Amino acid sequence: AKKLERIAQLMEIETERKELLPMIHMCHAWQKMSAAEETADASLYVEASELFIKAKESSVKKRTAMLAAGNSCICRALELGAKYKSTKTMVFYSEGKHQMESASDYYMEAGFENASTWVSATEALFDAYFYMDKAETEADHKDKTKFYGLVEGYLDRSAKLFNRAGYTKKASDVLRTLERVKET
């Protein structure tokens, strides 16, 4: 981002400088998103989402704008997912799912099928954690078993989708979680 900013400052033609602006915002946003993943800090996802919106708004190309919009939505979804994980508040789960669906739609419209598949894998993982929470608090053995069956299905789907999208390490992590659930 800093290199792009220096290049933009040296450009004499304003329209060329404006063409770099979305990429500068995207680089800063990816930095925030990466920091959020490293620290599990939901507020950094918010900052990344806002930077992706700036990238969308400054973009002159539809594909770049749709990519930035998808990235903004997935950051919001990850922020809401982190909030759900710490509070178990249903509104965070519901809104997070909505944001994931929007992200997937934007990625598909922009032609980023792999990103859309990654979102679907993330959404399935999110659902698995939701049902895992339900299973762990369920007193009735029959219902507990039903919820764990759902968890296994969502984890299996998530792992397959992560593999299809090329995220083999994430798929392996999900499969390890699936094995732990099966032992439960």
C-alpha atoms as a PDB file:
ATOM      1  CA  ALA A   1       0.000   0.000   0.000  1.00  0.00           C
ATOM      2  CA  LYS A   2       2.808   2.397   0.862  1.00  0.00           C
ATOM      3  CA  LYS A   3       4.561   1.729  -2.438  1.00  0.00           C
ATOM      4  CA  LEU A   4       1.328   2.304  -4.345  1.00  0.00           C
ATOM      5  CA  GLU A   5       0.767   5.538  -2.414  1.00  0.00           C
ATOM      6  CA  ARG A   6       4.275   6.745  -3.352  1.00  0.00           C
ATOM      7  CA  ILE A   7       3.681   5.839  -6.997  1.00  0.00           C
ATOM      8  CA  ALA A   8       0.334   7.663  -6.958  1.00  0.00           C
ATOM      9  CA  GLN A   9       1.982  10.789  -5.555  1.00  0.00           C
ATOM     10  CA  LEU A  10       4.481  10.790  -8.427  1.00  0.00           C
ATOM     11  CA  MET A  11       1.823  10.444 -11.122  1.00  0.00           C
ATOM     12  CA  GLU A  12       1.094  13.612 -13.006  1.00  0.00           C
ATOM     13  CA  ILE A  13      -2.207  12.553 -14.568  1.00  0.00           C
ATOM     14  CA  GLU A  14      -5.097  12.711 -12.084  1.00  0.00           C
ATOM     15  CA  THR A  15      -7.125   9.932 -13.741  1.00  0.00           C
ATOM     16  CA  GLU A  16      -4.180   7.527 -13.488  1.00  0.00           C
ATOM     17  CA  ARG A  17      -3.740   8.431  -9.830  1.00  0.00           C
ATOM     18  CA  LYS A  18      -7.449   7.746  -9.191  1.00  0.00           C
ATOM     19  CA  GLU A  19      -7.127   4.310 -10.774  1.00  0.00           C
ATOM     20  CA  LEU A  20      -4.633   3.326  -8.057  1.00  0.00           C
ATOM     21  CA  LEU A  21      -6.860   4.500  -5.205  1.00  0.00           C
ATOM     22  CA  PRO A  22      -9.036   1.339  -5.016  1.00  0.00           C
ATOM     23  CA  MET A  23      -5.915  -0.844  -4.887  1.00  0.00           C
ATOM     24  CA  ILE A  24      -4.430   1.294  -2.123  1.00  0.00           C
ATOM     25  CA  HIS A  25      -7.613   0.949  -0.069  1.00  0.00           C
ATOM     26  CA  MET A  26      -7.720  -2.804  -0.765  1.00  0.00           C
ATOM     27  CA  CYS A  27      -4.118  -3.275   0.395  1.00  0.00           C
ATOM     28  CA  HIS A  28      -4.811  -1.414   3.641  1.00  0.00           C
ATOM     29  CA  ALA A  29      -8.015  -3.441   4.096  1.00  0.00           C
ATOM     30  CA  TRP A  30      -6.236  -6.765   3.528  1.00  0.00           C
ATOM     31  CA  GLN A  31      -3.663  -5.715   6.138  1.00  0.00           C
ATOM     32  CA  LYS A  32      -6.470  -5.040   8.650  1.00  0.00           C
ATOM     33  CA  MET A  33      -8.201  -8.297   7.740  1.00  0.00           C
ATOM     34  CA  SER A  34      -4.979 -10.247   8.238  1.00  0.00           C
ATOM     35  CA  ALA A  35      -4.399  -8.561  11.601  1.00  0.00           C
ATOM     36  CA  ALA A  36      -7.982  -9.397  12.618  1.00  0.00           C
ATOM     37  CA  GLU A  37      -7.417 -13.067  11.783  1.00  0.00           C
ATOM     38  CA  GLU A  38      -4.149 -13.106  13.755  1.00  0.00           C
ATOM     39  CA  THR A  39      -5.531 -11.395  16.863  1.00  0.00           C
ATOM     40  CA  ALA A  40      -9.227 -12.418  16.745  1.00  0.00           C
ATOM     41  CA  ASP A  41     -10.027  -8.707  17.139  1.00  0.00           C
ATOM     42  CA  ALA A  42     -13.523  -8.107  15.721  1.00  0.00           C
ATOM     43  CA  SER A  43     -12.966  -4.336  15.544  1.00  0.00           C
ATOM     44  CA  LEU A  44     -10.228  -4.848  12.941  1.00  0.00           C
ATOM     45  CA  TYR A  45     -12.758  -6.623  10.719  1.00  0.00           C
ATOM     46  CA  VAL A  46     -14.918  -3.495  10.969  1.00  0.00           C
ATOM     47  CA  GLU A  47     -11.979  -1.311   9.899  1.00  0.00           C
ATOM     48  CA  ALA A  48     -11.188  -3.671   7.015  1.00  0.00           C
ATOM     49  CA  SER A  49     -14.840  -3.645   5.920  1.00  0.00           C
ATOM     50  CA  GLU A  50     -14.873   0.157   5.864  1.00  0.00           C
ATOM     51  CA  LEU A  51     -11.669   0.263   3.799  1.00  0.00           C
ATOM     52  CA  PHE A  52     -13.144  -2.222   1.314  1.00  0.00           C
ATOM     53  CA  ILE A  53     -16.182   0.086   0.998  1.00  0.00           C
ATOM     54  CA  LYS A  54     -13.814   2.966   0.194  1.00  0.00           C
ATOM     55  CA  ALA A  55     -12.198   0.769  -2.452  1.00  0.00           C
ATOM     56  CA  LYS A  56     -15.622  -0.020  -3.913  1.00  0.00           C
ATOM     57  CA  GLU A  57     -16.649   3.626  -3.972  1.00  0.00           C
ATOM     58  CA  SER A  58     -13.411   4.758  -5.611  1.00  0.00           C
ATOM     59  CA  SER A  59     -13.363   1.990  -8.202  1.00  0.00           C
ATOM     60  CA  VAL A  60     -14.030   2.759 -11.843  1.00  0.00           C
ATOM     61  CA  LYS A  61     -14.233  -0.923 -12.814  1.00  0.00           C
ATOM     62  CA  LYS A  62     -17.285  -3.000 -11.958  1.00  0.00           C
ATOM     63  CA  ARG A  63     -15.290  -6.174 -11.277  1.00  0.00           C
ATOM     64  CA  THR A  64     -13.062  -4.411  -8.755  1.00  0.00           C
ATOM     65  CA  ALA A  65     -16.093  -2.777  -7.134  1.00  0.00           C
ATOM     66  CA  MET A  66     -17.856  -6.157  -6.782  1.00  0.00           C
ATOM     67  CA  LEU A  67     -14.718  -7.767  -5.328  1.00  0.00           C
ATOM     68  CA  ALA A  68     -14.387  -4.940  -2.807  1.00  0.00           C
ATOM     69  CA  ALA A  69     -18.083  -5.206  -1.907  1.00  0.00           C
ATOM     70  CA  GLY A  70     -17.725  -8.965  -1.366  1.00  0.00           C
ATOM     71  CA  ASN A  71     -14.658  -8.430   0.781  1.00  0.00           C
ATOM     72  CA  SER A  72     -16.507  -5.821   2.828  1.00  0.00           C
ATOM     73  CA  CYS A  73     -19.393  -8.236   3.418  1.00  0.00           C
ATOM     74  CA  ILE A  74     -17.146 -11.122   4.423  1.00  0.00           C
ATOM     75  CA  CYS A  75     -15.317  -8.873   6.886  1.00  0.00           C
ATOM     76  CA  ARG A  76     -18.649  -7.900   8.408  1.00  0.00           C
ATOM     77  CA  ALA A  77     -19.611 -11.580   8.554  1.00  0.00           C
ATOM     78  CA  LEU A  78     -16.366 -12.502  10.293  1.00  0.00           C
ATOM     79  CA  GLU A  79     -16.838  -9.637  12.755  1.00  0.00           C
ATOM     80  CA  LEU A  80     -20.373 -10.849  13.505  1.00  0.00           C
ATOM     81  CA  GLY A  81     -19.129 -14.432  13.774  1.00  0.00           C
ATOM     82  CA  ALA A  82     -16.578 -13.372  16.384  1.00  0.00           C
ATOM     83  CA  LYS A  83     -19.292 -11.544  18.287  1.00  0.00           C
ATOM     84  CA  TYR A  84     -21.584 -14.577  18.095  1.00  0.00           C
ATOM     85  CA  LYS A  85     -18.788 -16.831  19.337  1.00  0.00           C
ATOM     86  CA  SER A  86     -18.269 -14.685  22.431  1.00  0.00           C
ATOM     87  CA  THR A  87     -21.934 -13.880  23.209  1.00  0.00           C
ATOM     88  CA  LYS A  88     -24.053 -16.652  21.583  1.00  0.00           C
ATOM     89  CA  THR A  89     -26.474 -13.878  20.564  1.00  0.00           C
ATOM     90  CA  MET A  90     -28.678 -15.095  17.689  1.00  0.00           C
ATOM     91  CA  VAL A  91     -28.846 -11.722  15.928  1.00  0.00           C
ATOM     92  CA  PHE A  92     -25.079 -11.913  15.294  1.00  0.00           C
ATOM     93  CA  TYR A  93     -25.478 -15.403  13.818  1.00  0.00           C
ATOM     94  CA  SER A  94     -28.393 -14.357  11.574  1.00  0.00           C
ATOM     95  CA  GLU A  95     -26.782 -11.153  10.352  1.00  0.00           C
ATOM     96  CA  GLY A  96     -23.467 -12.945   9.818  1.00  0.00           C
ATOM     97  CA  LYS A  97     -25.197 -15.492   7.580  1.00  0.00           C
ATOM     98  CA  HIS A  98     -26.853 -12.671   5.629  1.00  0.00           C
ATOM     99  CA  GLN A  99     -23.482 -10.971   5.114  1.00  0.00           C
ATOM    100  CA  MET A 100     -21.926 -14.241   3.907  1.00  0.00           C
ATOM    101  CA  GLU A 101     -24.691 -14.718   1.348  1.00  0.00           C
ATOM    102  CA  SER A 102     -24.160 -11.157   0.114  1.00  0.00           C
ATOM    103  CA  ALA A 103     -20.399 -11.700  -0.109  1.00  0.00           C
ATOM    104  CA  SER A 104     -20.910 -14.869  -2.129  1.00  0.00           C
ATOM    105  CA  ASP A 105     -23.278 -13.058  -4.508  1.00  0.00           C
ATOM    106  CA  TYR A 106     -20.788 -10.219  -5.058  1.00  0.00           C
ATOM    107  CA  TYR A 107     -17.925 -12.666  -5.672  1.00  0.00           C
ATOM    108  CA  MET A 108     -19.973 -14.606  -8.203  1.00  0.00           C
ATOM    109  CA  GLU A 109     -20.989 -11.404  -9.985  1.00  0.00           C
ATOM    110  CA  ALA A 110     -17.325 -10.382 -10.154  1.00  0.00           C
ATOM    111  CA  GLY A 111     -16.317 -13.795 -11.508  1.00  0.00           C
ATOM    112  CA  PHE A 112     -14.463 -14.945  -8.389  1.00  0.00           C
ATOM    113  CA  GLU A 113     -15.957 -18.419  -8.073  1.00  0.00           C
ATOM    114  CA  ASN A 114     -13.161 -19.618  -5.759  1.00  0.00           C
ATOM    115  CA  ALA A 115     -13.897 -16.813  -3.312  1.00  0.00           C
ATOM    116  CA  SER A 116     -17.581 -17.706  -3.419  1.00  0.00           C
ATOM    117  CA  THR A 117     -16.728 -21.342  -2.664  1.00  0.00           C
ATOM    118  CA  TRP A 118     -14.518 -20.220   0.246  1.00  0.00           C
ATOM    119  CA  VAL A 119     -17.468 -18.208   1.613  1.00  0.00           C
ATOM    120  CA  SER A 120     -19.733 -21.266   1.322  1.00  0.00           C
ATOM    121  CA  ALA A 121     -17.141 -23.316   3.222  1.00  0.00           C
ATOM    122  CA  THR A 122     -16.941 -20.635   5.894  1.00  0.00           C
ATOM    123  CA  GLU A 123     -20.732 -20.483   6.105  1.00  0.00           C
ATOM    124  CA  ALA A 124     -20.938 -24.265   6.600  1.00  0.00           C
ATOM    125  CA  LEU A 125     -18.293 -24.025   9.330  1.00  0.00           C
ATOM    126  CA  PHE A 126     -20.281 -21.216  10.961  1.00  0.00           C
ATOM    127  CA  ASP A 127     -23.395 -23.425  10.895  1.00  0.00           C
ATOM    128  CA  ALA A 128     -21.424 -26.307  12.411  1.00  0.00           C
ATOM    129  CA  TYR A 129     -20.356 -24.146  15.338  1.00  0.00           C
ATOM    130  CA  PHE A 130     -23.927 -22.925  15.794  1.00  0.00           C
ATOM    131  CA  TYR A 131     -25.270 -26.487  16.054  1.00  0.00           C
ATOM    132  CA  MET A 132     -22.333 -27.538  18.202  1.00  0.00           C
ATOM    133  CA  ASP A 133     -23.370 -24.849  20.705  1.00  0.00           C
ATOM    134  CA  LYS A 134     -26.944 -26.179  20.595  1.00  0.00           C
ATOM    135  CA  ALA A 135     -25.755 -29.769  21.104  1.00  0.00           C
ATOM    136  CA  GLU A 136     -23.564 -28.872  24.058  1.00  0.00           C
ATOM    137  CA  THR A 137     -26.446 -27.195  25.891  1.00  0.00           C
ATOM    138  CA  GLU A 138     -29.109 -29.776  25.005  1.00  0.00           C
ATOM    139  CA  ALA A 139     -30.220 -31.983  27.903  1.00  0.00           C
ATOM    140  CA  ASP A 140     -32.257 -34.489  25.869  1.00  0.00           C
ATOM    141  CA  HIS A 141     -29.915 -37.214  24.555  1.00  0.00           C
ATOM    142  CA  LYS A 142     -31.955 -37.773  21.375  1.00  0.00           C
ATOM    143  CA  ASP A 143     -31.868 -34.050  20.461  1.00  0.00           C
ATOM    144  CA  LYS A 144     -28.173 -33.819  21.383  1.00  0.00           C
ATOM    145  CA  THR A 145     -27.442 -36.700  18.990  1.00  0.00           C
ATOM    146  CA  LYS A 146     -29.485 -35.008  16.257  1.00  0.00           C
ATOM    147  CA  PHE A 147     -27.529 -31.754  16.668  1.00  0.00           C
ATOM    148  CA  TYR A 148     -24.183 -33.537  16.593  1.00  0.00           C
ATOM    149  CA  GLY A 149     -25.300 -35.269  13.382  1.00  0.00           C
ATOM    150  CA  LEU A 150     -25.935 -31.835  11.873  1.00  0.00           C
ATOM    151  CA  VAL A 151     -22.531 -30.667  13.094  1.00  0.00           C
ATOM    152  CA  GLU A 152     -20.827 -33.596  11.388  1.00  0.00           C
ATOM    153  CA  GLY A 153     -22.649 -32.896   8.129  1.00  0.00           C
ATOM    154  CA  TYR A 154     -21.744 -29.211   8.136  1.00  0.00           C
ATOM    155  CA  LEU A 155     -18.108 -29.914   9.019  1.00  0.00           C
ATOM    156  CA  ASP A 156     -17.852 -32.489   6.225  1.00  0.00           C
ATOM    157  CA  ARG A 157     -19.381 -30.012   3.740  1.00  0.00           C
ATOM    158  CA  SER A 158     -17.070 -27.249   4.950  1.00  0.00           C
ATOM    159  CA  ALA A 159     -13.942 -29.394   4.539  1.00  0.00           C
ATOM    160  CA  LYS A 160     -14.936 -30.445   1.018  1.00  0.00           C
ATOM    161  CA  LEU A 161     -15.638 -26.845  -0.002  1.00  0.00           C
ATOM    162  CA  PHE A 162     -12.354 -25.580   1.480  1.00  0.00           C
ATOM    163  CA  ASN A 163     -10.534 -28.292  -0.504  1.00  0.00           C
ATOM    164  CA  ARG A 164     -12.385 -27.338  -3.691  1.00  0.00           C
ATOM    165  CA  ALA A 165     -11.443 -23.688  -3.159  1.00  0.00           C
ATOM    166  CA  GLY A 166      -7.785 -24.644  -2.658  1.00  0.00           C
ATOM    167  CA  TYR A 167      -7.620 -24.034   1.106  1.00  0.00           C
ATOM    168  CA  THR A 168      -6.197 -27.431   2.030  1.00  0.00           C
ATOM    169  CA  LYS A 169      -4.811 -26.366   5.431  1.00  0.00           C
ATOM    170  CA  LYS A 170      -8.190 -24.984   6.457  1.00  0.00           C
ATOM    171  CA  ALA A 171      -9.838 -28.189   5.200  1.00  0.00           C
ATOM    172  CA  SER A 172      -7.422 -30.233   7.345  1.00  0.00           C
ATOM    173  CA  ASP A 173      -8.242 -28.089  10.384  1.00  0.00           C
ATOM    174  CA  VAL A 174     -11.967 -28.671   9.819  1.00  0.00           C
ATOM    175  CA  LEU A 175     -11.420 -32.427   9.428  1.00  0.00           C
ATOM    176  CA  ARG A 176      -9.570 -32.485  12.766  1.00  0.00           C
ATOM    177  CA  THR A 177     -12.558 -30.756  14.344  1.00  0.00           C
ATOM    178  CA  LEU A 178     -14.836 -33.322  12.701  1.00  0.00           C
ATOM    179  CA  GLU A 179     -12.802 -36.160  14.240  1.00  0.00           C
ATOM    180  CA  ARG A 180     -13.077 -34.567  17.691  1.00  0.00           C
ATOM    181  CA  VAL A 181     -16.853 -34.223  17.245  1.00  0.00           C
ATOM    182  CA  LYS A 182     -17.145 -37.877  16.218  1.00  0.00           C
ATOM    183  CA  GLU A 183     -15.356 -38.849  19.431  1.00  0.00           C
ATOM    184  CA  THR A 184     -17.977 -36.937  21.444  1.00  0.00           C
END
